[in-house]
Amino acid sequence: MQSKILPSNGDGTYTSIPVYDVPPQVLAGDREDKTDYGRRSTDLPIPTGPMVQSIHIVLIHPRMLIRECLVRTLNSFGRYFQVSAFASLEEWEGSGVAESPDLVLFVIDDGDHADSGSKFLAARLSKLAGGKPFIILSDTDGADEVISALQSGARGYLPTSIPLEIAIEAIRLVNAGGIFIPAESLMQSRESGRHSGRALAADHAGSLLTERQRAVLAAIRKGQANKVIARELNMCESTVKVHVRNIMKKLNAKNRTHAALLAHDLLLDN
């Protein structure tokens, strides 16, 4: 920094002002962009370190067009992903690539199943990847396929129905040591378990019902009142009430509506 002496103020005094050394590119540049001597944000160095360390991915897909589309999509994220693609495990194995990837993205082609030779496939993937995790990418999102893939050793399952943003975050999650399971598959598994459990419970309870009680339960399912049931089954209304009470006890039903819902699982109409 230097000082510049201005002309006399007329009273024998002088004013000194500081003068800063400004780079010449600022003087010749845009006058509106003088922050930090005209340095623009694009000139700043790109941060490096663990937060931006790239993930080396080996992608396996037999179809060239889809494979190249996936590679370009992942590589478009710049410093985050480094993708090597092969048509098959055999091609990868014979490529001579010595460095093991951070993870493997294995695409189950249309018509294949995640459980076909899953244990053998998992063993080969694990060996070629040096024990690194692998993710299954498939067109199906059924709970059975997801569970089979995880049981075979996969650390993630990506159905093609999920958005790209979620797939990217899932890859990062698996690379960090986590496991990714699509929420839709979990809901399917839960609903399937509920239905199976309810059906088994209903079958067990149904085996405890007499033929007469089954007839009464079928009438309850149709929404018939006790008086109508008594007339159609040729029994006293008091007897119908006893049957209804015993049916609800055996089925553990809270009310007639609940009993009618359970009757649906018993398939009494058949």
Protein backbone atom coordinates (compact mmCIF):
# COMPACT_ATOMS: atom_id res chain seq x y z
CA MET A 1 0.00 0.00 0.00
CA GLN A 2 1.23 3.52 -0.84
CA SER A 3 0.05 7.04 0.07
CA LYS A 4 -0.87 9.87 -2.26
CA ILE A 5 -0.63 13.55 -1.22
CA LEU A 6 -3.49 15.70 -2.48
CA PRO A 7 -3.04 19.41 -3.30
CA SER A 8 -3.09 21.93 -0.46
CA ASN A 9 -6.41 22.55 1.22
CA GLY A 10 -5.73 26.31 1.10
CA ASP A 11 -4.92 26.59 4.78
CA GLY A 12 -1.43 25.18 4.59
CA THR A 13 -2.49 21.59 5.34
CA TYR A 14 -2.37 18.53 3.10
CA THR A 15 -4.52 15.40 2.95
CA SER A 16 -2.95 11.95 2.59
CA ILE A 17 -5.10 9.05 1.26
CA PRO A 18 -4.10 5.37 0.96
CA VAL A 19 -3.64 3.90 -2.51
CA TYR A 20 -3.93 0.08 -2.91
CA ASP A 21 -2.06 -1.98 -5.45
CA VAL A 22 -4.80 -3.40 -7.68
CA PRO A 23 -3.99 -6.12 -10.23
CA PRO A 24 -4.12 -4.79 -13.81
CA GLN A 25 -6.74 -7.36 -14.87
CA VAL A 26 -9.20 -5.69 -12.50
CA LEU A 27 -8.62 -2.26 -14.04
CA ALA A 28 -9.26 -3.68 -17.50
CA GLY A 29 -12.15 -5.92 -16.45
CA ASP A 30 -15.78 -5.46 -15.58
CA ARG A 31 -16.16 -2.61 -13.13
CA GLU A 32 -19.14 -4.27 -11.45
CA ASP A 33 -17.11 -7.35 -10.49
CA LYS A 34 -14.48 -6.06 -8.05
CA THR A 35 -15.06 -8.42 -5.14
CA ASP A 36 -11.80 -10.02 -4.09
CA TYR A 37 -10.00 -8.09 -6.85
CA GLY A 38 -12.37 -9.34 -9.49
CA ARG A 39 -11.89 -13.07 -8.79
CA ARG A 40 -14.84 -15.05 -10.07
CA SER A 41 -16.40 -18.14 -8.45
CA THR A 42 -15.44 -20.27 -11.44
CA ASP A 43 -11.78 -19.52 -10.73
CA LEU A 44 -11.97 -21.07 -7.26
CA PRO A 45 -10.27 -24.45 -6.83
CA ILE A 46 -12.55 -27.50 -6.71
CA PRO A 47 -12.49 -29.01 -3.19
CA THR A 48 -10.86 -32.39 -2.87
CA GLY A 49 -10.94 -34.97 -0.12
CA PRO A 50 -13.14 -37.79 1.22
CA MET A 51 -16.36 -35.91 0.47
CA VAL A 52 -15.69 -35.92 -3.27
CA GLN A 53 -13.69 -39.12 -3.61
CA SER A 54 -14.87 -40.95 -6.71
CA ILE A 55 -16.50 -44.38 -6.52
CA HIS A 56 -15.13 -46.96 -8.96
CA ILE A 57 -18.07 -48.99 -10.30
CA VAL A 58 -17.99 -52.06 -12.50
CA LEU A 59 -21.23 -52.31 -14.49
CA ILE A 60 -22.31 -55.65 -15.97
CA HIS A 61 -25.06 -55.60 -18.61
CA PRO A 62 -25.33 -57.77 -21.77
CA ARG A 63 -27.06 -55.17 -23.95
CA MET A 64 -24.72 -52.56 -25.39
CA LEU A 65 -27.19 -49.69 -25.81
CA ILE A 66 -28.55 -49.89 -22.28
CA ARG A 67 -25.06 -50.45 -20.91
CA GLU A 68 -23.68 -47.35 -22.60
CA CYS A 69 -26.67 -45.27 -21.48
CA LEU A 70 -26.08 -46.31 -17.88
CA VAL A 71 -22.37 -45.56 -18.14
CA ARG A 72 -22.98 -42.08 -19.55
CA THR A 73 -25.60 -41.35 -16.93
CA LEU A 74 -23.32 -42.33 -14.06
CA ASN A 75 -20.29 -40.61 -15.56
CA SER A 76 -22.32 -37.42 -15.94
CA PHE A 77 -21.96 -36.99 -12.19
CA GLY A 78 -18.32 -36.13 -12.80
CA ARG A 79 -16.04 -36.63 -9.86
CA TYR A 80 -18.48 -38.90 -7.98
CA PHE A 81 -18.34 -41.99 -10.21
CA GLN A 82 -15.80 -43.78 -12.35
CA VAL A 83 -17.51 -46.54 -14.35
CA SER A 84 -16.06 -49.54 -16.17
CA ALA A 85 -18.62 -51.55 -18.17
CA PHE A 86 -18.62 -55.13 -19.43
CA ALA A 87 -21.14 -57.33 -21.20
CA SER A 88 -20.66 -60.29 -18.86
CA LEU A 89 -18.69 -61.62 -15.94
CA GLU A 90 -16.54 -63.55 -18.40
CA GLU A 91 -15.64 -60.38 -20.28
CA TRP A 92 -14.78 -58.62 -17.03
CA GLU A 93 -12.71 -61.57 -15.87
CA GLY A 94 -10.78 -61.66 -19.15
CA SER A 95 -10.27 -57.91 -19.35
CA GLY A 96 -7.14 -57.99 -17.24
CA VAL A 97 -8.34 -55.13 -15.05
CA ALA A 98 -6.19 -55.58 -11.97
CA GLU A 99 -7.69 -52.90 -9.73
CA SER A 100 -10.78 -54.10 -7.86
CA PRO A 101 -13.77 -51.72 -7.91
CA ASP A 102 -15.49 -50.15 -4.94
CA LEU A 103 -18.70 -51.95 -5.91
CA VAL A 104 -20.30 -53.92 -8.74
CA LEU A 105 -23.62 -53.02 -10.38
CA PHE A 106 -24.99 -56.23 -11.91
CA VAL A 107 -28.02 -55.90 -14.19
CA ILE A 108 -30.48 -58.79 -14.32
CA ASP A 109 -31.64 -58.82 -17.93
CA ASP A 110 -35.33 -59.06 -18.81
CA GLY A 111 -36.44 -62.66 -18.54
CA ASP A 112 -33.81 -63.63 -15.99
CA HIS A 113 -34.49 -64.00 -12.31
CA ALA A 114 -32.50 -62.75 -9.34
CA ASP A 115 -32.55 -66.20 -7.79
CA SER A 116 -31.32 -68.15 -10.83
CA GLY A 117 -27.97 -69.55 -9.73
CA SER A 118 -27.85 -66.78 -7.16
CA LYS A 119 -25.36 -68.46 -4.83
CA PHE A 120 -22.98 -69.29 -7.66
CA LEU A 121 -23.40 -65.80 -9.09
CA ALA A 122 -22.74 -64.20 -5.71
CA ALA A 123 -19.58 -66.26 -5.25
CA ARG A 124 -18.23 -65.20 -8.66
CA LEU A 125 -19.13 -61.56 -8.12
CA SER A 126 -17.51 -61.53 -4.70
CA LYS A 127 -14.34 -63.17 -6.03
CA LEU A 128 -13.99 -60.86 -9.03
CA ALA A 129 -14.75 -57.78 -6.94
CA GLY A 130 -12.25 -58.72 -4.27
CA GLY A 131 -14.96 -59.05 -1.66
CA LYS A 132 -16.43 -55.62 -2.42
CA PRO A 133 -20.24 -55.20 -2.33
CA PHE A 134 -22.49 -55.70 -5.34
CA ILE A 135 -25.90 -54.31 -6.25
CA ILE A 136 -28.59 -55.96 -8.36
CA LEU A 137 -30.44 -53.81 -10.92
CA SER A 138 -33.62 -55.40 -12.27
CA ASP A 139 -36.94 -54.62 -13.96
CA THR A 140 -38.81 -56.54 -11.26
CA ASP A 141 -39.43 -55.31 -7.73
CA GLY A 142 -41.21 -58.29 -6.21
CA ALA A 143 -40.49 -59.05 -2.57
CA ASP A 144 -39.39 -62.61 -3.40
CA GLU A 145 -36.79 -61.40 -5.91
CA VAL A 146 -35.43 -58.78 -3.50
CA ILE A 147 -35.16 -61.24 -0.61
CA SER A 148 -33.50 -63.83 -2.85
CA ALA A 149 -30.93 -61.27 -4.05
CA LEU A 150 -30.10 -60.19 -0.50
CA GLN A 151 -29.82 -63.80 0.65
CA SER A 152 -27.36 -64.43 -2.18
CA GLY A 153 -25.10 -61.69 -0.83
CA ALA A 154 -26.22 -58.51 -2.59
CA ARG A 155 -25.97 -55.32 -0.54
CA GLY A 156 -28.61 -53.54 -2.56
CA TYR A 157 -31.48 -54.07 -4.99
CA LEU A 158 -32.42 -51.36 -7.47
CA PRO A 159 -35.65 -51.80 -9.47
CA THR A 160 -35.76 -49.76 -12.68
CA SER A 161 -38.99 -48.16 -11.44
CA ILE A 162 -37.17 -45.90 -8.96
CA PRO A 163 -36.02 -42.35 -9.85
CA LEU A 164 -32.41 -41.74 -10.84
CA GLU A 165 -31.76 -39.58 -7.77
CA ILE A 166 -32.70 -42.44 -5.45
CA ALA A 167 -30.55 -44.89 -7.40
CA ILE A 168 -27.54 -42.57 -7.07
CA GLU A 169 -28.03 -42.19 -3.32
CA ALA A 170 -28.51 -45.96 -2.99
CA ILE A 171 -25.14 -46.55 -4.67
CA ARG A 172 -23.50 -44.11 -2.26
CA LEU A 173 -25.22 -45.79 0.67
CA VAL A 174 -23.98 -49.25 -0.29
CA ASN A 175 -20.49 -47.90 -0.91
CA ALA A 176 -20.55 -46.44 2.61
CA GLY A 177 -21.39 -49.84 4.08
CA GLY A 178 -25.19 -49.72 4.11
CA ILE A 179 -27.88 -51.89 2.53
CA PHE A 180 -30.58 -50.56 0.20
CA ILE A 181 -34.00 -52.19 -0.15
CA PRO A 182 -36.80 -50.47 -2.13
CA ALA A 183 -39.70 -49.42 0.09
CA GLU A 184 -42.28 -50.84 -2.34
CA SER A 185 -40.79 -54.31 -1.99
CA LEU A 186 -40.86 -54.08 1.79
CA MET A 187 -44.54 -53.12 1.68
CA GLN A 188 -45.28 -56.05 -0.63
CA SER A 189 -43.47 -58.41 1.71
CA ARG A 190 -45.32 -57.06 4.72
CA GLU A 191 -48.71 -57.27 3.02
CA SER A 192 -47.97 -60.78 1.77
CA GLY A 193 -46.98 -61.85 5.26
CA ARG A 194 -50.13 -60.34 6.72
CA HIS A 195 -52.33 -62.09 4.16
CA SER A 196 -50.59 -65.44 4.62
CA GLY A 197 -50.74 -65.21 8.39
CA ARG A 198 -54.38 -64.18 8.35
CA ALA A 199 -55.28 -66.96 5.91
CA LEU A 200 -53.49 -69.58 8.02
CA ALA A 201 -55.20 -68.33 11.16
CA ALA A 202 -58.56 -68.37 9.40
CA ASP A 203 -57.99 -71.89 8.08
CA HIS A 204 -57.08 -73.08 11.56
CA ALA A 205 -60.11 -71.41 13.09
CA GLY A 206 -62.31 -72.63 10.27
CA SER A 207 -61.36 -76.22 11.01
CA LEU A 208 -62.85 -75.73 14.48
CA LEU A 209 -66.25 -74.74 13.12
CA THR A 210 -69.01 -77.25 12.68
CA GLU A 211 -70.90 -77.55 9.42
CA ARG A 212 -73.85 -75.71 10.95
CA GLN A 213 -71.63 -72.90 12.21
CA ARG A 214 -70.10 -72.54 8.76
CA ALA A 215 -73.56 -72.11 7.30
CA VAL A 216 -74.36 -69.42 9.88
CA LEU A 217 -71.06 -67.66 9.16
CA ALA A 218 -71.80 -67.69 5.43
CA ALA A 219 -75.12 -65.99 6.16
CA ILE A 220 -73.38 -63.41 8.38
CA ARG A 221 -71.05 -62.64 5.51
CA LYS A 222 -74.09 -61.89 3.33
CA GLY A 223 -75.24 -59.39 5.98
CA GLN A 224 -78.33 -61.35 7.01
CA ALA A 225 -79.95 -60.74 10.39
CA ASN A 226 -80.41 -63.54 12.94
CA LYS A 227 -84.14 -63.78 12.17
CA VAL A 228 -83.47 -64.31 8.45
CA ILE A 229 -80.71 -66.83 9.20
CA ALA A 230 -83.05 -68.78 11.48
CA ARG A 231 -85.73 -68.93 8.81
CA GLU A 232 -83.39 -69.99 5.99
CA LEU A 233 -81.56 -72.61 8.07
CA ASN A 234 -84.75 -73.83 9.74
CA MET A 235 -83.64 -73.22 13.33
CA CYS A 236 -84.70 -71.11 16.28
CA GLU A 237 -83.40 -67.54 16.48
CA SER A 238 -81.99 -68.28 19.94
CA THR A 239 -79.98 -71.14 18.42
CA VAL A 240 -78.61 -68.76 15.79
CA LYS A 241 -77.47 -66.40 18.56
CA VAL A 242 -75.63 -69.26 20.27
CA HIS A 243 -73.94 -70.19 16.99
CA VAL A 244 -72.93 -66.57 16.36
CA ARG A 245 -71.44 -66.28 19.84
CA ASN A 246 -69.43 -69.50 19.40
CA ILE A 247 -68.28 -68.50 15.91
CA MET A 248 -66.96 -65.14 17.13
CA LYS A 249 -65.17 -66.87 19.99
CA LYS A 250 -63.48 -69.45 17.73
CA LEU A 251 -62.50 -66.87 15.12
CA ASN A 252 -61.48 -64.35 17.77
CA ALA A 253 -63.72 -61.85 16.00
CA LYS A 254 -64.58 -58.57 17.70
CA ASN A 255 -68.00 -58.23 16.08
CA ARG A 256 -70.17 -59.52 13.25
CA THR A 257 -68.40 -57.34 10.69
CA HIS A 258 -65.03 -58.71 11.74
CA ALA A 259 -66.41 -62.23 11.50
CA ALA A 260 -67.67 -61.50 7.98
CA LEU A 261 -64.18 -60.34 6.95
CA LEU A 262 -62.64 -63.51 8.33
CA ALA A 263 -65.26 -65.52 6.47
CA HIS A 264 -63.83 -64.18 3.21
CA ASP A 265 -60.52 -65.98 3.93
CA LEU A 266 -62.41 -69.19 4.67
CA LEU A 267 -63.93 -69.12 1.14
CA LEU A 268 -67.22 -70.34 2.49
CA ASP A 269 -68.98 -69.56 -0.75
CA ASN A 270 -67.07 -72.41 -2.37
